[in-house]
Amino acid sequence: MQYCDEDDIAKSLGLANNSVITSQSSNYKIIKLLGEGGFGAVFLVSSSSKENVKYALKVEKKTAKRKDPKLQMEVSILENLKKSEKSEHFTEIVDKGKTSTYYFVVMELVGKSLADIKDKLGKVFTLGCGIRTMMQCADAISAFHALGFIHRDLKPGNFCVGTLDKRRNIYLLDFGMARKFLNDKGEIKRPRRQVNFKGTLKFAPIRLHQGNEYSRKDDAESWFYMLEDLVNKRGLPWKKIGDMNLIRISKEDSRKPENLQRLIGDFPCKAEFEKVLSYIDKLDYVHSVDFAYINSIMEEAAKVIQNTPEDPYDWESLPEEW
């Protein structure tokens, strides 16, 4: 969800600062609007039962066109993800409810997104920080896939750091575009013949540009573009291109031997990065992604630059609130 100045959704639902939203177990007072987009909004709230604890409260406006609220699916996904081995990469659900005009869910409050942090730093992440960050992101995506879902909009803006004692932890957020890739029999769904573009151009996989069905491999490709966006000083080769077709061509051209180093970056661990990309590019629609294998290569990359898991993350030098 993008940060914005306009609060049309909030206004249409009669939600403003100091408004109170009531569930069956508690009351939540709105402190401020955090973000808004589409049919929903996110607020910073305090609870009547725990006044000193802040939460994120997400609302989705009821509409006649939407029979199945996206928020309901998000709650279901999160409840199942909390049972996974990598549950630390997903927010806790505190409460949920509905009114005559909207659905709402109260969630654990997280910190800034990776995109926000990069902007605040005014530069790319240090290489060690970027590698360790993306290893956590890989763990989160792996858990998401294990549940039978693909995310379809992986980007730095949809990963956040934690707060307080969880500040070194990475969270995967926003499942509004997620899709189940398994049918009721647990089989991989047959790909649709034509798929409309969904997601963020900068991080979208090549197959989506070509109108193909999204797969687990494509989430992994977006993950790799995130890595390069966060650590490569030159940025992604297509970062200044606005035309969708020209971006597709740039992504395809970036795989050519003479262009590969521009995408990968001239890092001491460029051989490891190239190995990861080669693995991802060889996958197909039906393949699962072995993120444990990817992270083993990323660990090799970290060793090349003598980075350890105990080394500080770049955002730990920033104040908690800004």
Protein backbone atom coordinates (compact mmCIF):
# COMPACT_ATOMS: atom_id res chain seq x y z
CA MET A 1 0.00 0.00 0.00
CA GLN A 2 1.45 3.34 -1.03
CA TYR A 3 1.83 6.27 1.33
CA CYS A 4 -0.22 9.26 0.25
CA ASP A 5 -1.69 12.57 1.31
CA GLU A 6 -5.20 11.87 0.07
CA ASP A 7 -7.49 9.98 2.44
CA ASP A 8 -10.56 9.38 0.25
CA ILE A 9 -11.16 5.82 1.50
CA ALA A 10 -10.81 6.91 5.12
CA LYS A 11 -13.17 9.85 4.58
CA SER A 12 -15.75 7.73 2.78
CA LEU A 13 -15.81 5.35 5.75
CA GLY A 14 -15.98 8.18 8.28
CA LEU A 15 -12.59 7.28 9.76
CA ALA A 16 -10.42 10.11 11.05
CA ASN A 17 -7.87 10.68 13.81
CA ASN A 18 -9.36 9.78 17.23
CA SER A 19 -12.15 7.71 15.65
CA VAL A 20 -12.81 4.49 17.57
CA ILE A 21 -13.26 1.10 15.91
CA THR A 22 -14.85 -1.58 18.06
CA SER A 23 -14.36 -5.34 17.88
CA GLN A 24 -15.87 -8.03 20.09
CA SER A 25 -12.86 -7.90 22.40
CA SER A 26 -11.49 -4.34 22.34
CA ASN A 27 -11.70 -0.75 21.12
CA TYR A 28 -9.08 0.79 18.83
CA LYS A 29 -8.47 4.52 18.60
CA ILE A 30 -7.05 5.84 15.33
CA ILE A 31 -3.83 7.83 15.80
CA LYS A 32 -3.14 8.54 12.13
CA LEU A 33 -3.51 7.28 8.58
CA LEU A 34 -0.41 5.34 7.46
CA GLY A 35 -1.29 4.45 3.91
CA GLU A 36 -4.09 3.99 1.44
CA GLY A 37 -4.78 2.43 -1.92
CA GLY A 38 -7.45 0.61 -3.89
CA PHE A 39 -10.30 -0.39 -1.59
CA GLY A 40 -8.42 -0.14 1.70
CA ALA A 41 -6.45 1.91 4.17
CA VAL A 42 -4.00 1.27 7.02
CA PHE A 43 -4.07 3.19 10.31
CA LEU A 44 -1.82 3.43 13.33
CA VAL A 45 -4.03 2.65 16.34
CA SER A 46 -3.88 2.16 20.10
CA SER A 47 -5.92 -0.40 22.02
CA SER A 48 -8.15 0.30 25.01
CA SER A 49 -6.84 -2.89 26.63
CA LYS A 50 -3.15 -2.04 26.05
CA GLU A 51 -2.84 1.74 25.76
CA ASN A 52 0.96 1.80 25.44
CA VAL A 53 1.00 -0.73 22.59
CA LYS A 54 0.54 0.46 19.00
CA TYR A 55 -0.91 -1.66 16.21
CA ALA A 56 -1.61 -1.43 12.50
CA LEU A 57 -5.32 -1.59 11.65
CA LYS A 58 -6.17 -2.42 8.05
CA VAL A 59 -9.64 -1.77 6.63
CA GLU A 60 -11.24 -2.85 3.37
CA LYS A 61 -14.34 -1.12 2.10
CA LYS A 62 -17.32 -3.34 1.34
CA THR A 63 -18.44 -3.13 -2.28
CA ALA A 64 -21.14 -4.87 -4.29
CA LYS A 65 -18.56 -5.95 -6.88
CA ARG A 66 -16.33 -7.74 -4.35
CA LYS A 67 -18.06 -10.85 -3.03
CA ASP A 68 -14.82 -12.22 -1.54
CA PRO A 69 -12.92 -9.54 0.39
CA LYS A 70 -9.16 -9.49 -0.16
CA LEU A 71 -8.67 -8.89 3.55
CA GLN A 72 -10.38 -12.18 4.36
CA MET A 73 -7.90 -14.03 2.16
CA GLU A 74 -4.99 -12.14 3.74
CA VAL A 75 -6.15 -13.12 7.23
CA SER A 76 -6.48 -16.76 6.19
CA ILE A 77 -2.98 -16.75 4.67
CA LEU A 78 -1.42 -15.12 7.73
CA GLU A 79 -3.14 -17.51 10.14
CA ASN A 80 -1.72 -20.46 8.19
CA LEU A 81 1.73 -18.89 7.80
CA LYS A 82 2.08 -18.50 11.56
CA LYS A 83 2.23 -22.32 11.71
CA SER A 84 5.25 -22.44 9.39
CA GLU A 85 8.90 -22.79 10.40
CA LYS A 86 9.58 -19.27 9.08
CA SER A 87 6.62 -17.63 10.82
CA GLU A 88 8.84 -14.79 12.09
CA HIS A 89 8.68 -13.22 8.62
CA PHE A 90 4.91 -12.61 8.85
CA THR A 91 2.90 -10.28 11.06
CA GLU A 92 0.78 -11.51 13.96
CA ILE A 93 -2.98 -11.00 13.74
CA VAL A 94 -4.22 -9.39 16.95
CA ASP A 95 -7.93 -8.95 16.22
CA LYS A 96 -10.45 -8.77 13.38
CA GLY A 97 -14.04 -7.76 12.74
CA LYS A 98 -16.45 -6.00 10.41
CA THR A 99 -19.02 -3.21 10.33
CA SER A 100 -21.81 -2.46 7.88
CA THR A 101 -19.38 -0.65 5.56
CA TYR A 102 -15.95 -2.28 5.97
CA TYR A 103 -13.91 -5.25 7.16
CA PHE A 104 -10.95 -4.70 9.46
CA VAL A 105 -7.99 -6.58 10.89
CA VAL A 106 -5.63 -5.48 13.66
CA MET A 107 -2.03 -6.55 13.17
CA GLU A 108 1.39 -6.38 14.75
CA LEU A 109 3.02 -3.06 13.87
CA VAL A 110 6.13 -3.26 11.70
CA GLY A 111 8.73 -0.66 10.80
CA LYS A 112 9.77 0.96 7.53
CA SER A 113 9.87 -0.82 4.19
CA LEU A 114 13.14 -1.69 2.46
CA ALA A 115 12.22 0.92 -0.16
CA ASP A 116 11.77 3.59 2.54
CA ILE A 117 15.09 2.66 4.14
CA LYS A 118 16.96 2.85 0.84
CA ASP A 119 15.46 6.30 0.20
CA LYS A 120 16.36 7.47 3.71
CA LEU A 121 19.93 6.23 3.40
CA GLY A 122 20.16 8.06 0.08
CA LYS A 123 22.17 5.19 -1.37
CA VAL A 124 22.09 1.46 -1.96
CA PHE A 125 22.57 -1.00 0.90
CA THR A 126 26.07 -2.13 1.74
CA LEU A 127 26.73 -5.46 0.04
CA GLY A 128 26.75 -7.50 3.25
CA CYS A 129 23.50 -5.95 4.45
CA GLY A 130 21.89 -6.53 1.06
CA ILE A 131 22.90 -10.20 1.00
CA ARG A 132 21.64 -10.90 4.54
CA THR A 133 18.43 -8.96 3.89
CA MET A 134 17.68 -10.89 0.71
CA MET A 135 18.37 -14.21 2.44
CA GLN A 136 15.60 -13.37 4.90
CA CYS A 137 13.34 -12.36 2.02
CA ALA A 138 14.06 -15.71 0.35
CA ASP A 139 13.02 -17.55 3.52
CA ALA A 140 9.76 -15.60 3.62
CA ILE A 141 8.94 -16.34 -0.04
CA SER A 142 9.77 -20.01 0.48
CA ALA A 143 7.26 -20.24 3.34
CA PHE A 144 4.66 -18.45 1.22
CA HIS A 145 5.15 -20.92 -1.65
CA ALA A 146 4.96 -23.87 0.77
CA LEU A 147 1.44 -22.73 1.63
CA GLY A 148 0.46 -23.03 -2.04
CA PHE A 149 0.53 -19.33 -2.94
CA ILE A 150 2.58 -17.10 -5.22
CA HIS A 151 2.87 -13.43 -4.25
CA ARG A 152 3.03 -11.77 -7.71
CA ASP A 153 4.16 -8.35 -6.47
CA LEU A 154 7.50 -8.79 -4.76
CA LYS A 155 9.36 -5.50 -4.39
CA PRO A 156 11.26 -3.58 -1.68
CA GLY A 157 8.06 -1.73 -0.77
CA ASN A 158 6.39 -4.99 0.29
CA PHE A 159 9.09 -6.04 2.75
CA CYS A 160 9.46 -4.24 6.09
CA VAL A 161 11.79 -4.41 9.04
CA GLY A 162 10.52 -5.03 12.55
CA THR A 163 10.47 -2.67 15.51
CA LEU A 164 12.24 -2.64 18.87
CA ASP A 165 13.82 -6.07 19.55
CA LYS A 166 12.65 -7.32 16.13
CA ARG A 167 14.42 -4.60 14.19
CA ARG A 168 16.77 -7.06 12.47
CA ASN A 169 13.85 -9.14 11.22
CA ILE A 170 12.29 -8.84 7.75
CA TYR A 171 8.53 -9.17 7.15
CA LEU A 172 6.72 -9.96 3.90
CA LEU A 173 3.53 -7.91 3.51
CA ASP A 174 0.58 -7.19 1.22
CA PHE A 175 -0.99 -10.31 -0.24
CA GLY A 176 -3.60 -8.44 -2.28
CA MET A 177 -2.29 -9.90 -5.54
CA ALA A 178 -1.46 -13.36 -4.24
CA ARG A 179 -2.83 -16.37 -6.11
CA LYS A 180 -3.09 -20.04 -5.28
CA PHE A 181 -1.07 -22.11 -7.73
CA LEU A 182 -2.50 -25.45 -6.57
CA ASN A 183 -6.02 -26.75 -7.27
CA ASP A 184 -8.27 -28.53 -4.75
CA LYS A 185 -6.47 -31.80 -5.50
CA GLY A 186 -3.10 -30.29 -4.62
CA GLU A 187 -2.02 -30.26 -8.27
CA ILE A 188 -0.40 -27.33 -10.07
CA LYS A 189 -3.10 -25.39 -11.90
CA ARG A 190 -3.08 -25.47 -15.67
CA PRO A 191 -1.68 -22.11 -16.88
CA ARG A 192 -4.14 -19.71 -18.44
CA ARG A 193 -3.55 -18.94 -22.12
CA GLN A 194 -3.37 -15.18 -21.65
CA VAL A 195 -2.69 -13.25 -18.46
CA ASN A 196 -3.16 -9.51 -18.02
CA PHE A 197 -0.20 -7.64 -16.54
CA LYS A 198 -0.33 -7.26 -12.77
CA GLY A 199 2.39 -6.08 -10.44
CA THR A 200 5.16 -3.51 -10.58
CA LEU A 201 6.94 -2.99 -13.91
CA LYS A 202 10.40 -2.54 -12.44
CA PHE A 203 10.38 -5.92 -10.68
CA ALA A 204 8.06 -7.90 -12.95
CA PRO A 205 9.43 -11.14 -14.46
CA ILE A 206 10.00 -11.51 -18.20
CA ARG A 207 7.28 -14.16 -18.56
CA LEU A 208 4.64 -11.73 -17.31
CA HIS A 209 5.67 -9.19 -19.96
CA GLN A 210 5.06 -11.95 -22.50
CA GLY A 211 1.50 -12.57 -21.25
CA ASN A 212 2.33 -15.90 -19.61
CA GLU A 213 0.91 -17.31 -16.39
CA TYR A 214 2.78 -16.36 -13.23
CA SER A 215 4.67 -19.11 -11.38
CA ARG A 216 6.95 -19.66 -8.41
CA LYS A 217 9.96 -19.15 -10.70
CA ASP A 218 8.65 -15.64 -11.45
CA ASP A 219 8.54 -14.72 -7.76
CA ALA A 220 12.19 -15.79 -7.61
CA GLU A 221 13.05 -13.61 -10.61
CA SER A 222 11.44 -10.60 -8.91
CA TRP A 223 13.45 -11.47 -5.79
CA PHE A 224 16.67 -11.27 -7.84
CA TYR A 225 15.70 -7.88 -9.27
CA MET A 226 15.13 -6.72 -5.69
CA LEU A 227 18.64 -7.85 -4.76
CA GLU A 228 20.18 -5.83 -7.57
CA ASP A 229 17.97 -2.81 -6.87
CA LEU A 230 19.14 -2.76 -3.25
CA VAL A 231 22.90 -3.27 -3.76
CA ASN A 232 23.84 -2.24 -7.31
CA LYS A 233 24.87 1.45 -7.41
CA ARG A 234 23.95 1.66 -11.10
CA GLY A 235 20.49 0.28 -10.43
CA LEU A 236 18.56 -2.07 -12.69
CA PRO A 237 19.36 -1.51 -16.40
CA TRP A 238 15.73 -0.57 -17.14
CA LYS A 239 15.24 1.77 -14.18
CA LYS A 240 14.83 4.88 -16.37
CA ILE A 241 12.62 3.25 -19.01
CA GLY A 242 8.88 3.88 -18.81
CA ASP A 243 7.56 1.87 -21.75
CA MET A 244 6.45 -1.66 -20.83
CA ASN A 245 7.66 -3.23 -24.07
CA LEU A 246 11.07 -1.53 -23.89
CA ILE A 247 11.45 -2.73 -20.30
CA ARG A 248 10.76 -6.29 -21.47
CA ILE A 249 13.42 -5.94 -24.17
CA SER A 250 15.92 -4.58 -21.64
CA LYS A 251 15.26 -7.50 -19.28
CA GLU A 252 15.73 -10.00 -22.10
CA ASP A 253 18.89 -8.25 -23.32
CA SER A 254 20.35 -8.22 -19.80
CA ARG A 255 20.84 -12.00 -20.06
CA LYS A 256 23.19 -11.70 -23.04
CA PRO A 257 26.83 -12.41 -22.08
CA GLU A 258 27.96 -8.92 -23.08
CA ASN A 259 25.27 -7.31 -20.88
CA LEU A 260 25.22 -9.65 -17.90
CA GLN A 261 27.75 -7.76 -15.77
CA ARG A 262 25.65 -4.58 -16.07
CA LEU A 263 22.76 -6.45 -14.41
CA ILE A 264 24.85 -8.42 -11.92
CA GLY A 265 27.23 -5.64 -10.87
CA ASP A 266 31.02 -5.71 -10.55
CA PHE A 267 31.08 -7.23 -7.07
CA PRO A 268 33.68 -9.52 -5.48
CA CYS A 269 30.83 -12.07 -5.27
CA LYS A 270 29.54 -11.54 -8.83
CA ALA A 271 30.17 -15.21 -9.66
CA GLU A 272 27.78 -16.23 -6.88
CA PHE A 273 25.12 -13.74 -8.02
CA GLU A 274 25.45 -15.02 -11.58
CA LYS A 275 25.06 -18.60 -10.33
CA VAL A 276 21.80 -17.67 -8.56
CA LEU A 277 20.40 -15.95 -11.65
CA SER A 278 21.38 -18.87 -13.87
CA TYR A 279 19.53 -21.26 -11.56
CA ILE A 280 16.38 -19.09 -11.55
CA ASP A 281 16.39 -18.59 -15.33
CA LYS A 282 16.52 -22.35 -15.94
CA LEU A 283 13.32 -22.98 -13.96
CA ASP A 284 9.94 -23.40 -15.65
CA TYR A 285 6.24 -22.99 -14.78
CA VAL A 286 5.90 -26.33 -12.96
CA HIS A 287 9.16 -26.14 -11.00
CA SER A 288 9.42 -25.37 -7.32
CA VAL A 289 12.14 -22.93 -6.27
CA ASP A 290 14.84 -24.32 -4.00
CA PHE A 291 15.38 -21.24 -1.85
CA ALA A 292 17.59 -23.26 0.51
CA TYR A 293 19.94 -23.81 -2.43
CA ILE A 294 19.75 -20.11 -3.36
CA ASN A 295 20.57 -19.12 0.21
CA SER A 296 23.51 -21.54 0.31
CA ILE A 297 24.96 -19.63 -2.66
CA MET A 298 24.16 -16.33 -0.95
CA GLU A 299 26.03 -17.59 2.11
CA GLU A 300 29.02 -18.27 -0.14
CA ALA A 301 28.71 -14.69 -1.42
CA ALA A 302 28.71 -13.41 2.16
CA LYS A 303 31.87 -15.39 2.92
CA VAL A 304 33.62 -13.88 -0.12
CA ILE A 305 33.17 -10.41 1.40
CA GLN A 306 33.74 -11.69 4.97
CA ASN A 307 30.23 -10.83 6.15
CA THR A 308 28.70 -12.67 9.12
CA PRO A 309 25.08 -12.91 10.37
CA GLU A 310 26.08 -10.86 13.42
CA ASP A 311 27.17 -7.84 11.35
CA PRO A 312 24.84 -4.81 11.69
CA TYR A 313 22.18 -4.01 9.12
CA ASP A 314 22.38 -0.55 7.55
CA TRP A 315 19.08 0.62 9.09
CA GLU A 316 20.31 -0.04 12.63
CA SER A 317 22.23 3.24 12.37
CA LEU A 318 18.97 5.13 11.71
CA PRO A 319 16.62 6.35 14.46
CA GLU A 320 13.62 4.07 15.07
CA GLU A 321 11.18 6.78 13.98
CA TRP A 322 11.74 9.27 11.13
